[in-house]
Each structure stands twice: as structure tokens, then as C-alpha cells.
Amino acid sequence: MAQPQPFPTDLTHYNSDGVVTVIPPDHTAVPIQQFLASLNRRWRNAKNTGLVQQIPWFPDFINGAPTHYTLQSMRSGNAIVLKVFGHPSGRYFRSIDTFLIHVVSIMVGNGFANCNCGLF
């Protein structure tokens, strides 16, 4: 089955719960276009999960992340570790996949107390 036509989706237009977060000095901001490309790639791979059924269109994330959320990278030995900062709990997402759970909650307006991202 072919994927539906992507619909441009600007996450900066949603009611974000993101907060300004102090980023550790050993982290480097990932450019927004790479962040969005990662979100889009992971969304395409999430097609058989409950996430996709919650959104009545196939998003193509453009322009920006939810307000105050930022993807950061850091070196850990020979590996590059990615983390998404900005959650109101002060904790960070350890993967784009777990951040997508929170993004869906933002998009459908479930209320952040009902989010299943695991950081609340």
C-alpha cells in the first residue's frame, strides 16, 4: 500500500509545553533541518504503531520543532548520542521515537497530563 501524500505540518503552530532548558556545555545543537528530517524519517518508520492512527493525515514536518524543543548531540566514546531537550519536567528524550510520542500528544491536544511519553 502506498503512503498517503505528505501534508506540510509546522509544529511551531501547535500549543507547545516546551520550556527553555539549560543545555550541558558538552552538547551541540543539531540544525533544525536535520532535526525535522529525523522526525520525518522516524514518522515514516512508525506507520504500524498506534502513533500514526492518532493523526488523520501524514505529516511532513517543516519549519520548526515545537517551541523550546531542541535536538542536541554529544560525543560518548566513539558514538554520537542525540537527546531532545525542552520537556517541562526538566528531563530529556533519549530518542526521536520517544519524542514523537510527545509530538503526537501536542498535535492532538490530549493535554500534557495524558501524554504517554514517559517523562511526566
PDB file of N, CA and C in Angstrom:
ATOM      1  N   MET A   1       0.836  -1.180   0.000  1.00  0.00           N
ATOM      2  CA  MET A   1       0.000   0.000   0.000  1.00  0.00           C
ATOM      3  C   MET A   1       0.881   1.244   0.000  1.00  0.00           C
ATOM      4  N   ALA A   2       0.593   2.190  -0.858  1.00  0.00           N
ATOM      5  CA  ALA A   2       1.368   3.417  -0.963  1.00  0.00           C
ATOM      6  C   ALA A   2       1.094   4.329   0.226  1.00  0.00           C
ATOM      7  N   GLN A   3       2.121   5.087   0.603  1.00  0.00           N
ATOM      8  CA  GLN A   3       1.930   6.052   1.680  1.00  0.00           C
ATOM      9  C   GLN A   3       1.069   7.201   1.177  1.00  0.00           C
ATOM     10  N   PRO A   4       0.259   7.796   2.050  1.00  0.00           N
ATOM     11  CA  PRO A   4      -0.534   8.948   1.644  1.00  0.00           C
ATOM     12  C   PRO A   4       0.361  10.139   1.316  1.00  0.00           C
ATOM     13  N   GLN A   5      -0.203  11.076   0.609  1.00  0.00           N
ATOM     14  CA  GLN A   5       0.521  12.301   0.264  1.00  0.00           C
ATOM     15  C   GLN A   5       0.870  13.057   1.548  1.00  0.00           C
ATOM     16  N   PRO A   6       2.146  13.412   1.756  1.00  0.00           N
ATOM     17  CA  PRO A   6       2.517  14.160   2.961  1.00  0.00           C
ATOM     18  C   PRO A   6       1.843  15.531   3.004  1.00  0.00           C
ATOM     19  N   PHE A   7       1.456  15.938   4.196  1.00  0.00           N
ATOM     20  CA  PHE A   7       0.837  17.239   4.413  1.00  0.00           C
ATOM     21  C   PHE A   7       1.803  18.098   5.220  1.00  0.00           C
ATOM     22  N   PRO A   8       2.211  19.279   4.686  1.00  0.00           N
ATOM     23  CA  PRO A   8       3.144  20.134   5.427  1.00  0.00           C
ATOM     24  C   PRO A   8       2.592  20.462   6.815  1.00  0.00           C
ATOM     25  N   THR A   9       3.375  20.157   7.841  1.00  0.00           N
ATOM     26  CA  THR A   9       2.946  20.326   9.224  1.00  0.00           C
ATOM     27  C   THR A   9       4.018  21.102   9.981  1.00  0.00           C
ATOM     28  N   ASP A  10       3.668  22.320  10.383  1.00  0.00           N
ATOM     29  CA  ASP A  10       4.601  23.188  11.103  1.00  0.00           C
ATOM     30  C   ASP A  10       4.316  23.076  12.598  1.00  0.00           C
ATOM     31  N   LEU A  11       5.183  22.406  13.311  1.00  0.00           N
ATOM     32  CA  LEU A  11       4.975  22.168  14.741  1.00  0.00           C
ATOM     33  C   LEU A  11       5.055  23.436  15.581  1.00  0.00           C
ATOM     34  N   THR A  12       5.599  24.525  15.017  1.00  0.00           N
ATOM     35  CA  THR A  12       5.654  25.778  15.777  1.00  0.00           C
ATOM     36  C   THR A  12       4.269  26.395  15.933  1.00  0.00           C
ATOM     37  N   HIS A  13       3.279  25.907  15.184  1.00  0.00           N
ATOM     38  CA  HIS A  13       1.920  26.449  15.261  1.00  0.00           C
ATOM     39  C   HIS A  13       1.064  25.760  16.316  1.00  0.00           C
ATOM     40  N   TYR A  14       1.592  24.725  16.949  1.00  0.00           N
ATOM     41  CA  TYR A  14       0.835  23.991  17.967  1.00  0.00           C
ATOM     42  C   TYR A  14       1.124  24.561  19.353  1.00  0.00           C
ATOM     43  N   ASN A  15       0.228  24.316  20.282  1.00  0.00           N
ATOM     44  CA  ASN A  15       0.386  24.760  21.660  1.00  0.00           C
ATOM     45  C   ASN A  15       1.431  23.887  22.348  1.00  0.00           C
ATOM     46  N   SER A  16       2.656  24.341  22.356  1.00  0.00           N
ATOM     47  CA  SER A  16       3.770  23.572  22.907  1.00  0.00           C
ATOM     48  C   SER A  16       3.878  23.773  24.413  1.00  0.00           C
ATOM     49  N   ASP A  17       4.314  22.739  25.103  1.00  0.00           N
ATOM     50  CA  ASP A  17       4.600  22.845  26.531  1.00  0.00           C
ATOM     51  C   ASP A  17       6.096  23.014  26.770  1.00  0.00           C
ATOM     52  N   GLY A  18       6.867  23.179  25.710  1.00  0.00           N
ATOM     53  CA  GLY A  18       8.320  23.258  25.826  1.00  0.00           C
ATOM     54  C   GLY A  18       8.770  24.416  26.694  1.00  0.00           C
ATOM     55  N   VAL A  19       9.872  24.200  27.388  1.00  0.00           N
ATOM     56  CA  VAL A  19      10.443  25.220  28.253  1.00  0.00           C
ATOM     57  C   VAL A  19      11.909  25.437  27.879  1.00  0.00           C
ATOM     58  N   VAL A  20      12.381  26.649  28.129  1.00  0.00           N
ATOM     59  CA  VAL A  20      13.793  26.944  27.915  1.00  0.00           C
ATOM     60  C   VAL A  20      14.589  26.085  28.885  1.00  0.00           C
ATOM     61  N   THR A  21      15.575  25.387  28.367  1.00  0.00           N
ATOM     62  CA  THR A  21      16.349  24.434  29.153  1.00  0.00           C
ATOM     63  C   THR A  21      17.827  24.775  29.072  1.00  0.00           C
ATOM     64  N   VAL A  22      18.516  24.664  30.182  1.00  0.00           N
ATOM     65  CA  VAL A  22      19.972  24.831  30.179  1.00  0.00           C
ATOM     66  C   VAL A  22      20.577  23.563  29.580  1.00  0.00           C
ATOM     67  N   ILE A  23      21.316  23.737  28.519  1.00  0.00           N
ATOM     68  CA  ILE A  23      21.924  22.616  27.803  1.00  0.00           C
ATOM     69  C   ILE A  23      23.341  22.411  28.341  1.00  0.00           C
ATOM     70  N   PRO A  24      23.712  21.178  28.656  1.00  0.00           N
ATOM     71  CA  PRO A  24      25.081  20.934  29.127  1.00  0.00           C
ATOM     72  C   PRO A  24      26.107  21.437  28.107  1.00  0.00           C
ATOM     73  N   PRO A  25      27.237  21.950  28.576  1.00  0.00           N
ATOM     74  CA  PRO A  25      28.223  22.554  27.666  1.00  0.00           C
ATOM     75  C   PRO A  25      28.867  21.579  26.690  1.00  0.00           C
ATOM     76  N   ASP A  26      28.791  20.270  26.953  1.00  0.00           N
ATOM     77  CA  ASP A  26      29.400  19.304  26.036  1.00  0.00           C
ATOM     78  C   ASP A  26      28.444  18.874  24.923  1.00  0.00           C
ATOM     79  N   HIS A  27      27.295  19.533  24.821  1.00  0.00           N
ATOM     80  CA  HIS A  27      26.302  19.232  23.793  1.00  0.00           C
ATOM     81  C   HIS A  27      26.352  20.295  22.696  1.00  0.00           C
ATOM     82  N   THR A  28      25.980  19.896  21.488  1.00  0.00           N
ATOM     83  CA  THR A  28      25.949  20.806  20.332  1.00  0.00           C
ATOM     84  C   THR A  28      24.578  20.730  19.691  1.00  0.00           C
ATOM     85  N   ALA A  29      24.012  21.886  19.385  1.00  0.00           N
ATOM     86  CA  ALA A  29      22.696  21.921  18.744  1.00  0.00           C
ATOM     87  C   ALA A  29      22.768  21.311  17.350  1.00  0.00           C
ATOM     88  N   VAL A  30      21.800  20.465  17.044  1.00  0.00           N
ATOM     89  CA  VAL A  30      21.672  19.889  15.704  1.00  0.00           C
ATOM     90  C   VAL A  30      20.842  20.876  14.885  1.00  0.00           C
ATOM     91  N   PRO A  31      21.259  21.223  13.662  1.00  0.00           N
ATOM     92  CA  PRO A  31      20.482  22.169  12.849  1.00  0.00           C
ATOM     93  C   PRO A  31      19.032  21.698  12.684  1.00  0.00           C
ATOM     94  N   ILE A  32      18.121  22.665  12.655  1.00  0.00           N
ATOM     95  CA  ILE A  32      16.687  22.356  12.634  1.00  0.00           C
ATOM     96  C   ILE A  32      16.308  21.483  11.436  1.00  0.00           C
ATOM     97  N   GLN A  33      16.924  21.684  10.290  1.00  0.00           N
ATOM     98  CA  GLN A  33      16.567  20.858   9.133  1.00  0.00           C
ATOM     99  C   GLN A  33      16.930  19.388   9.363  1.00  0.00           C
ATOM    100  N   GLN A  34      18.025  19.135  10.055  1.00  0.00           N
ATOM    101  CA  GLN A  34      18.380  17.754  10.399  1.00  0.00           C
ATOM    102  C   GLN A  34      17.406  17.191  11.428  1.00  0.00           C
ATOM    103  N   PHE A  35      17.004  18.018  12.393  1.00  0.00           N
ATOM    104  CA  PHE A  35      16.034  17.607  13.402  1.00  0.00           C
ATOM    105  C   PHE A  35      14.718  17.206  12.721  1.00  0.00           C
ATOM    106  N   LEU A  36      14.234  18.057  11.818  1.00  0.00           N
ATOM    107  CA  LEU A  36      12.979  17.774  11.111  1.00  0.00           C
ATOM    108  C   LEU A  36      13.118  16.540  10.219  1.00  0.00           C
ATOM    109  N   ALA A  37      14.258  16.391   9.560  1.00  0.00           N
ATOM    110  CA  ALA A  37      14.482  15.208   8.716  1.00  0.00           C
ATOM    111  C   ALA A  37      14.436  13.941   9.573  1.00  0.00           C
ATOM    112  N   SER A  38      15.006  13.997  10.777  1.00  0.00           N
ATOM    113  CA  SER A  38      14.964  12.849  11.683  1.00  0.00           C
ATOM    114  C   SER A  38      13.531  12.547  12.112  1.00  0.00           C
ATOM    115  N   LEU A  39      12.758  13.585  12.431  1.00  0.00           N
ATOM    116  CA  LEU A  39      11.351  13.380  12.799  1.00  0.00           C
ATOM    117  C   LEU A  39      10.576  12.741  11.650  1.00  0.00           C
ATOM    118  N   ASN A  40      10.775  13.250  10.452  1.00  0.00           N
ATOM    119  CA  ASN A  40      10.063  12.703   9.291  1.00  0.00           C
ATOM    120  C   ASN A  40      10.454  11.250   9.017  1.00  0.00           C
ATOM    121  N   ARG A  41      11.721  10.956   9.106  1.00  0.00           N
ATOM    122  CA  ARG A  41      12.196   9.588   8.872  1.00  0.00           C
ATOM    123  C   ARG A  41      11.604   8.629   9.911  1.00  0.00           C
ATOM    124  N   ARG A  42      11.619   9.025  11.169  1.00  0.00           N
ATOM    125  CA  ARG A  42      11.070   8.168  12.227  1.00  0.00           C
ATOM    126  C   ARG A  42       9.555   8.045  12.098  1.00  0.00           C
ATOM    127  N   TRP A  43       8.873   9.105  11.644  1.00  0.00           N
ATOM    128  CA  TRP A  43       7.424   9.023  11.437  1.00  0.00           C
ATOM    129  C   TRP A  43       7.097   7.978  10.370  1.00  0.00           C
ATOM    130  N   ARG A  44       7.851   8.006   9.274  1.00  0.00           N
ATOM    131  CA  ARG A  44       7.619   7.013   8.210  1.00  0.00           C
ATOM    132  C   ARG A  44       7.813   5.592   8.740  1.00  0.00           C
ATOM    133  N   ASN A  45       8.761   5.394   9.652  1.00  0.00           N
ATOM    134  CA  ASN A  45       9.019   4.074  10.224  1.00  0.00           C
ATOM    135  C   ASN A  45       8.010   3.697  11.302  1.00  0.00           C
ATOM    136  N   ALA A  46       7.203   4.642  11.750  1.00  0.00           N
ATOM    137  CA  ALA A  46       6.223   4.395  12.816  1.00  0.00           C
ATOM    138  C   ALA A  46       4.860   4.005  12.258  1.00  0.00           C
ATOM    139  N   LYS A  47       4.772   3.702  10.964  1.00  0.00           N
ATOM    140  CA  LYS A  47       3.486   3.521  10.301  1.00  0.00           C
ATOM    141  C   LYS A  47       2.621   2.407  10.886  1.00  0.00           C
ATOM    142  N   ASN A  48       3.204   1.453  11.566  1.00  0.00           N
ATOM    143  CA  ASN A  48       2.416   0.364  12.128  1.00  0.00           C
ATOM    144  C   ASN A  48       2.221   0.494  13.638  1.00  0.00           C
ATOM    145  N   THR A  49       2.437   1.669  14.168  1.00  0.00           N
ATOM    146  CA  THR A  49       2.271   1.876  15.607  1.00  0.00           C
ATOM    147  C   THR A  49       0.989   2.655  15.868  1.00  0.00           C
ATOM    148  N   GLY A  50       0.595   2.715  17.110  1.00  0.00           N
ATOM    149  CA  GLY A  50      -0.588   3.471  17.499  1.00  0.00           C
ATOM    150  C   GLY A  50      -0.436   4.968  17.277  1.00  0.00           C
ATOM    151  N   LEU A  51       0.796   5.456  17.130  1.00  0.00           N
ATOM    152  CA  LEU A  51       1.007   6.889  16.899  1.00  0.00           C
ATOM    153  C   LEU A  51       0.324   7.347  15.625  1.00  0.00           C
ATOM    154  N   VAL A  52       0.545   6.613  14.569  1.00  0.00           N
ATOM    155  CA  VAL A  52       0.056   7.013  13.253  1.00  0.00           C
ATOM    156  C   VAL A  52      -1.472   7.060  13.228  1.00  0.00           C
ATOM    157  N   GLN A  53      -2.129   6.169  13.932  1.00  0.00           N
ATOM    158  CA  GLN A  53      -3.589   6.135  13.935  1.00  0.00           C
ATOM    159  C   GLN A  53      -4.197   7.348  14.641  1.00  0.00           C
ATOM    160  N   GLN A  54      -3.405   8.069  15.445  1.00  0.00           N
ATOM    161  CA  GLN A  54      -3.922   9.225  16.174  1.00  0.00           C
ATOM    162  C   GLN A  54      -3.967  10.498  15.335  1.00  0.00           C
ATOM    163  N   ILE A  55      -3.269  10.513  14.214  1.00  0.00           N
ATOM    164  CA  ILE A  55      -3.202  11.699  13.349  1.00  0.00           C
ATOM    165  C   ILE A  55      -3.911  11.379  12.040  1.00  0.00           C
ATOM    166  N   PRO A  56      -4.934  12.170  11.662  1.00  0.00           N
ATOM    167  CA  PRO A  56      -5.715  11.846  10.461  1.00  0.00           C
ATOM    168  C   PRO A  56      -5.066  12.270   9.143  1.00  0.00           C
ATOM    169  N   TRP A  57      -3.786  12.614   9.156  1.00  0.00           N
ATOM    170  CA  TRP A  57      -3.059  12.947   7.942  1.00  0.00           C
ATOM    171  C   TRP A  57      -1.631  12.436   8.091  1.00  0.00           C
ATOM    172  N   PHE A  58      -0.880  12.467   6.997  1.00  0.00           N
ATOM    173  CA  PHE A  58       0.517  12.038   7.005  1.00  0.00           C
ATOM    174  C   PHE A  58       1.382  13.293   7.060  1.00  0.00           C
ATOM    175  N   PRO A  59       1.906  13.641   8.259  1.00  0.00           N
ATOM    176  CA  PRO A  59       2.643  14.907   8.367  1.00  0.00           C
ATOM    177  C   PRO A  59       4.008  14.876   7.687  1.00  0.00           C
ATOM    178  N   ASP A  60       4.343  16.019   7.127  1.00  0.00           N
ATOM    179  CA  ASP A  60       5.696  16.297   6.649  1.00  0.00           C
ATOM    180  C   ASP A  60       6.140  17.486   7.484  1.00  0.00           C
ATOM    181  N   PHE A  61       6.927  17.227   8.522  1.00  0.00           N
ATOM    182  CA  PHE A  61       7.302  18.266   9.466  1.00  0.00           C
ATOM    183  C   PHE A  61       8.194  19.302   8.787  1.00  0.00           C
ATOM    184  N   ILE A  62       7.785  20.566   8.870  1.00  0.00           N
ATOM    185  CA  ILE A  62       8.508  21.669   8.220  1.00  0.00           C
ATOM    186  C   ILE A  62       8.720  22.807   9.217  1.00  0.00           C
ATOM    187  N   ASN A  63       9.620  23.691   8.881  1.00  0.00           N
ATOM    188  CA  ASN A  63       9.881  24.970   9.547  1.00  0.00           C
ATOM    189  C   ASN A  63      10.482  24.885  10.941  1.00  0.00           C
ATOM    190  N   GLY A  64       9.928  24.084  11.845  1.00  0.00           N
ATOM    191  CA  GLY A  64      10.495  24.058  13.182  1.00  0.00           C
ATOM    192  C   GLY A  64       9.879  23.002  14.074  1.00  0.00           C
ATOM    193  N   ALA A  65      10.559  22.766  15.180  1.00  0.00           N
ATOM    194  CA  ALA A  65      10.075  21.844  16.207  1.00  0.00           C
ATOM    195  C   ALA A  65       9.089  22.593  17.093  1.00  0.00           C
ATOM    196  N   PRO A  66       8.380  21.883  17.977  1.00  0.00           N
ATOM    197  CA  PRO A  66       7.552  22.609  18.942  1.00  0.00           C
ATOM    198  C   PRO A  66       8.413  23.618  19.708  1.00  0.00           C
ATOM    199  N   THR A  67       7.845  24.749  20.029  1.00  0.00           N
ATOM    200  CA  THR A  67       8.576  25.836  20.678  1.00  0.00           C
ATOM    201  C   THR A  67       9.362  25.340  21.895  1.00  0.00           C
ATOM    202  N   HIS A  68      10.618  25.731  21.957  1.00  0.00           N
ATOM    203  CA  HIS A  68      11.570  25.453  23.032  1.00  0.00           C
ATOM    204  C   HIS A  68      12.116  24.026  23.046  1.00  0.00           C
ATOM    205  N   TYR A  69      11.780  23.199  22.055  1.00  0.00           N
ATOM    206  CA  TYR A  69      12.383  21.871  21.971  1.00  0.00           C
ATOM    207  C   TYR A  69      13.576  21.941  21.029  1.00  0.00           C
ATOM    208  N   THR A  70      14.658  21.295  21.407  1.00  0.00           N
ATOM    209  CA  THR A  70      15.880  21.331  20.612  1.00  0.00           C
ATOM    210  C   THR A  70      16.561  19.962  20.630  1.00  0.00           C
ATOM    211  N   LEU A  71      17.072  19.568  19.480  1.00  0.00           N
ATOM    212  CA  LEU A  71      17.839  18.325  19.371  1.00  0.00           C
ATOM    213  C   LEU A  71      19.307  18.671  19.575  1.00  0.00           C
ATOM    214  N   GLN A  72      19.943  17.942  20.478  1.00  0.00           N
ATOM    215  CA  GLN A  72      21.344  18.172  20.811  1.00  0.00           C
ATOM    216  C   GLN A  72      22.134  16.890  20.603  1.00  0.00           C
ATOM    217  N   SER A  73      23.393  17.033  20.255  1.00  0.00           N
ATOM    218  CA  SER A  73      24.267  15.867  20.120  1.00  0.00           C
ATOM    219  C   SER A  73      25.448  16.018  21.067  1.00  0.00           C
ATOM    220  N   MET A  74      25.971  14.870  21.456  1.00  0.00           N
ATOM    221  CA  MET A  74      27.195  14.858  22.255  1.00  0.00           C
ATOM    222  C   MET A  74      27.979  13.596  21.912  1.00  0.00           C
ATOM    223  N   ARG A  75      29.264  13.674  22.093  1.00  0.00           N
ATOM    224  CA  ARG A  75      30.125  12.517  21.837  1.00  0.00           C
ATOM    225  C   ARG A  75      30.246  11.717  23.125  1.00  0.00           C
ATOM    226  N   SER A  76      30.080  10.412  22.992  1.00  0.00           N
ATOM    227  CA  SER A  76      30.259   9.494  24.115  1.00  0.00           C
ATOM    228  C   SER A  76      31.149   8.354  23.617  1.00  0.00           C
ATOM    229  N   GLY A  77      32.427   8.453  23.927  1.00  0.00           N
ATOM    230  CA  GLY A  77      33.384   7.496  23.373  1.00  0.00           C
ATOM    231  C   GLY A  77      33.447   7.677  21.868  1.00  0.00           C
ATOM    232  N   ASN A  78      33.194   6.609  21.119  1.00  0.00           N
ATOM    233  CA  ASN A  78      33.188   6.686  19.655  1.00  0.00           C
ATOM    234  C   ASN A  78      31.809   6.947  19.080  1.00  0.00           C
ATOM    235  N   ALA A  79      30.810   7.088  19.933  1.00  0.00           N
ATOM    236  CA  ALA A  79      29.424   7.251  19.473  1.00  0.00           C
ATOM    237  C   ALA A  79      28.962   8.696  19.607  1.00  0.00           C
ATOM    238  N   ILE A  80      28.005   9.051  18.764  1.00  0.00           N
ATOM    239  CA  ILE A  80      27.304  10.325  18.870  1.00  0.00           C
ATOM    240  C   ILE A  80      25.943  10.019  19.484  1.00  0.00           C
ATOM    241  N   VAL A  81      25.617  10.695  20.576  1.00  0.00           N
ATOM    242  CA  VAL A  81      24.356  10.498  21.282  1.00  0.00           C
ATOM    243  C   VAL A  81      23.468  11.704  21.015  1.00  0.00           C
ATOM    244  N   LEU A  82      22.211  11.441  20.638  1.00  0.00           N
ATOM    245  CA  LEU A  82      21.239  12.504  20.396  1.00  0.00           C
ATOM    246  C   LEU A  82      20.239  12.555  21.535  1.00  0.00           C
ATOM    247  N   LYS A  83      19.880  13.779  21.945  1.00  0.00           N
ATOM    248  CA  LYS A  83      18.904  13.991  23.010  1.00  0.00           C
ATOM    249  C   LYS A  83      18.022  15.176  22.618  1.00  0.00           C
ATOM    250  N   VAL A  84      16.741  15.093  22.961  1.00  0.00           N
ATOM    251  CA  VAL A  84      15.826  16.213  22.723  1.00  0.00           C
ATOM    252  C   VAL A  84      15.531  16.861  24.074  1.00  0.00           C
ATOM    253  N   PHE A  85      15.884  18.146  24.184  1.00  0.00           N
ATOM    254  CA  PHE A  85      15.659  18.921  25.396  1.00  0.00           C
ATOM    255  C   PHE A  85      14.452  19.843  25.221  1.00  0.00           C
ATOM    256  N   GLY A  86      13.854  20.245  26.345  1.00  0.00           N
ATOM    257  CA  GLY A  86      12.763  21.211  26.336  1.00  0.00           C
ATOM    258  C   GLY A  86      11.536  20.747  27.099  1.00  0.00           C
ATOM    259  N   HIS A  87      11.529  19.513  27.570  1.00  0.00           N
ATOM    260  CA  HIS A  87      10.357  18.987  28.283  1.00  0.00           C
ATOM    261  C   HIS A  87      10.185  19.737  29.617  1.00  0.00           C
ATOM    262  N   PRO A  88       8.937  20.040  29.999  1.00  0.00           N
ATOM    263  CA  PRO A  88       8.714  20.800  31.234  1.00  0.00           C
ATOM    264  C   PRO A  88       9.168  20.081  32.503  1.00  0.00           C
ATOM    265  N   SER A  89       9.357  18.778  32.450  1.00  0.00           N
ATOM    266  CA  SER A  89       9.835  18.037  33.622  1.00  0.00           C
ATOM    267  C   SER A  89      11.309  18.319  33.899  1.00  0.00           C
ATOM    268  N   GLY A  90      12.002  18.894  32.904  1.00  0.00           N
ATOM    269  CA  GLY A  90      13.438  19.110  33.013  1.00  0.00           C
ATOM    270  C   GLY A  90      14.248  17.927  32.511  1.00  0.00           C
ATOM    271  N   ARG A  91      13.570  16.826  32.235  1.00  0.00           N
ATOM    272  CA  ARG A  91      14.232  15.640  31.696  1.00  0.00           C
ATOM    273  C   ARG A  91      14.315  15.761  30.179  1.00  0.00           C
ATOM    274  N   TYR A  92      15.090  14.905  29.539  1.00  0.00           N
ATOM    275  CA  TYR A  92      15.232  14.950  28.094  1.00  0.00           C
ATOM    276  C   TYR A  92      14.805  13.625  27.486  1.00  0.00           C
ATOM    277  N   PHE A  93      14.466  13.685  26.201  1.00  0.00           N
ATOM    278  CA  PHE A  93      14.126  12.474  25.451  1.00  0.00           C
ATOM    279  C   PHE A  93      15.420  11.847  24.959  1.00  0.00           C
ATOM    280  N   ARG A  94      15.524  10.540  25.113  1.00  0.00           N
ATOM    281  CA  ARG A  94      16.732   9.815  24.717  1.00  0.00           C
ATOM    282  C   ARG A  94      16.691   9.346  23.270  1.00  0.00           C
ATOM    283  N   SER A  95      15.557   9.567  22.596  1.00  0.00           N
ATOM    284  CA  SER A  95      15.465   9.178  21.191  1.00  0.00           C
ATOM    285  C   SER A  95      14.381   9.992  20.496  1.00  0.00           C
ATOM    286  N   ILE A  96      14.474  10.059  19.176  1.00  0.00           N
ATOM    287  CA  ILE A  96      13.437  10.702  18.374  1.00  0.00           C
ATOM    288  C   ILE A  96      12.133   9.923  18.516  1.00  0.00           C
ATOM    289  N   ASP A  97      12.206   8.600  18.619  1.00  0.00           N
ATOM    290  CA  ASP A  97      10.993   7.787  18.752  1.00  0.00           C
ATOM    291  C   ASP A  97      10.185   8.175  19.989  1.00  0.00           C
ATOM    292  N   THR A  98      10.851   8.340  21.134  1.00  0.00           N
ATOM    293  CA  THR A  98      10.105   8.717  22.333  1.00  0.00           C
ATOM    294  C   THR A  98       9.624  10.158  22.243  1.00  0.00           C
ATOM    295  N   PHE A  99      10.390  11.016  21.582  1.00  0.00           N
ATOM    296  CA  PHE A  99       9.931  12.393  21.390  1.00  0.00           C
ATOM    297  C   PHE A  99       8.692  12.425  20.502  1.00  0.00           C
ATOM    298  N   LEU A 100       8.615  11.550  19.507  1.00  0.00           N
ATOM    299  CA  LEU A 100       7.430  11.513  18.631  1.00  0.00           C
ATOM    300  C   LEU A 100       6.149  11.226  19.416  1.00  0.00           C
ATOM    301  N   ILE A 101       6.230  10.423  20.456  1.00  0.00           N
ATOM    302  CA  ILE A 101       5.055  10.181  21.296  1.00  0.00           C
ATOM    303  C   ILE A 101       4.564  11.506  21.871  1.00  0.00           C
ATOM    304  N   HIS A 102       5.486  12.330  22.312  1.00  0.00           N
ATOM    305  CA  HIS A 102       5.130  13.634  22.873  1.00  0.00           C
ATOM    306  C   HIS A 102       4.619  14.584  21.783  1.00  0.00           C
ATOM    307  N   VAL A 103       5.239  14.546  20.618  1.00  0.00           N
ATOM    308  CA  VAL A 103       4.798  15.380  19.496  1.00  0.00           C
ATOM    309  C   VAL A 103       3.344  15.077  19.152  1.00  0.00           C
ATOM    310  N   VAL A 104       2.985  13.804  19.108  1.00  0.00           N
ATOM    311  CA  VAL A 104       1.593  13.433  18.806  1.00  0.00           C
ATOM    312  C   VAL A 104       0.664  13.994  19.867  1.00  0.00           C
ATOM    313  N   SER A 105       1.050  13.928  21.121  1.00  0.00           N
ATOM    314  CA  SER A 105       0.229  14.487  22.191  1.00  0.00           C
ATOM    315  C   SER A 105       0.026  15.992  21.986  1.00  0.00           C
ATOM    316  N   ILE A 106       1.080  16.678  21.583  1.00  0.00           N
ATOM    317  CA  ILE A 106       0.975  18.115  21.291  1.00  0.00           C
ATOM    318  C   ILE A 106       0.025  18.339  20.120  1.00  0.00           C
ATOM    319  N   MET A 107       0.159  17.540  19.067  1.00  0.00           N
ATOM    320  CA  MET A 107      -0.642  17.732  17.854  1.00  0.00           C
ATOM    321  C   MET A 107      -2.124  17.463  18.074  1.00  0.00           C
ATOM    322  N   VAL A 108      -2.457  16.441  18.849  1.00  0.00           N
ATOM    323  CA  VAL A 108      -3.877  16.102  19.028  1.00  0.00           C
ATOM    324  C   VAL A 108      -4.492  16.837  20.207  1.00  0.00           C
ATOM    325  N   GLY A 109      -3.683  17.536  20.985  1.00  0.00           N
ATOM    326  CA  GLY A 109      -4.205  18.321  22.092  1.00  0.00           C
ATOM    327  C   GLY A 109      -4.808  17.479  23.203  1.00  0.00           C
ATOM    328  N   ASN A 110      -4.198  16.327  23.487  1.00  0.00           N
ATOM    329  CA  ASN A 110      -4.692  15.444  24.546  1.00  0.00           C
ATOM    330  C   ASN A 110      -4.549  16.036  25.934  1.00  0.00           C
ATOM    331  N   GLY A 111      -3.804  17.084  26.053  1.00  0.00           N
ATOM    332  CA  GLY A 111      -3.465  17.580  27.379  1.00  0.00           C
ATOM    333  C   GLY A 111      -2.217  16.864  27.839  1.00  0.00           C
ATOM    334  N   PHE A 112      -1.309  17.604  28.353  1.00  0.00           N
ATOM    335  CA  PHE A 112       0.000  17.039  28.653  1.00  0.00           C
ATOM    336  C   PHE A 112      -0.051  16.054  29.811  1.00  0.00           C
ATOM    337  N   ALA A 113      -1.044  16.168  30.670  1.00  0.00           N
ATOM    338  CA  ALA A 113      -1.174  15.205  31.757  1.00  0.00           C
ATOM    339  C   ALA A 113      -1.525  13.819  31.223  1.00  0.00           C
ATOM    340  N   ASN A 114      -2.080  13.755  30.002  1.00  0.00           N
ATOM    341  CA  ASN A 114      -2.458  12.487  29.394  1.00  0.00           C
ATOM    342  C   ASN A 114      -1.417  11.955  28.408  1.00  0.00           C
ATOM    343  N   CYS A 115      -0.274  12.586  28.347  1.00  0.00           N
ATOM    344  CA  CYS A 115       0.765  12.178  27.408  1.00  0.00           C
ATOM    345  C   CYS A 115       1.416  10.891  27.882  1.00  0.00           C
ATOM    346  N   ASN A 116       1.727  10.014  26.935  1.00  0.00           N
ATOM    347  CA  ASN A 116       2.361   8.727  27.240  1.00  0.00           C
ATOM    348  C   ASN A 116       3.869   8.717  26.961  1.00  0.00           C
ATOM    349  N   CYS A 117       4.481   9.896  26.932  1.00  0.00           N
ATOM    350  CA  CYS A 117       5.900   9.944  26.586  1.00  0.00           C
ATOM    351  C   CYS A 117       6.799   9.388  27.685  1.00  0.00           C
ATOM    352  N   GLY A 118       6.294   9.280  28.892  1.00  0.00           N
ATOM    353  CA  GLY A 118       7.077   8.720  29.984  1.00  0.00           C
ATOM    354  C   GLY A 118       7.895   9.729  30.769  1.00  0.00           C
ATOM    355  N   LEU A 119       7.897  10.995  30.378  1.00  0.00           N
ATOM    356  CA  LEU A 119       8.684  11.992  31.109  1.00  0.00           C
ATOM    357  C   LEU A 119       7.871  12.754  32.139  1.00  0.00           C
ATOM    358  N   PHE A 120       6.562  12.653  32.107  1.00  0.00           N
ATOM    359  CA  PHE A 120       5.741  13.356  33.108  1.00  0.00           C
ATOM    360  C   PHE A 120       5.685  12.573  34.377  1.00  0.00           C
TER     361      PHE A 120
END
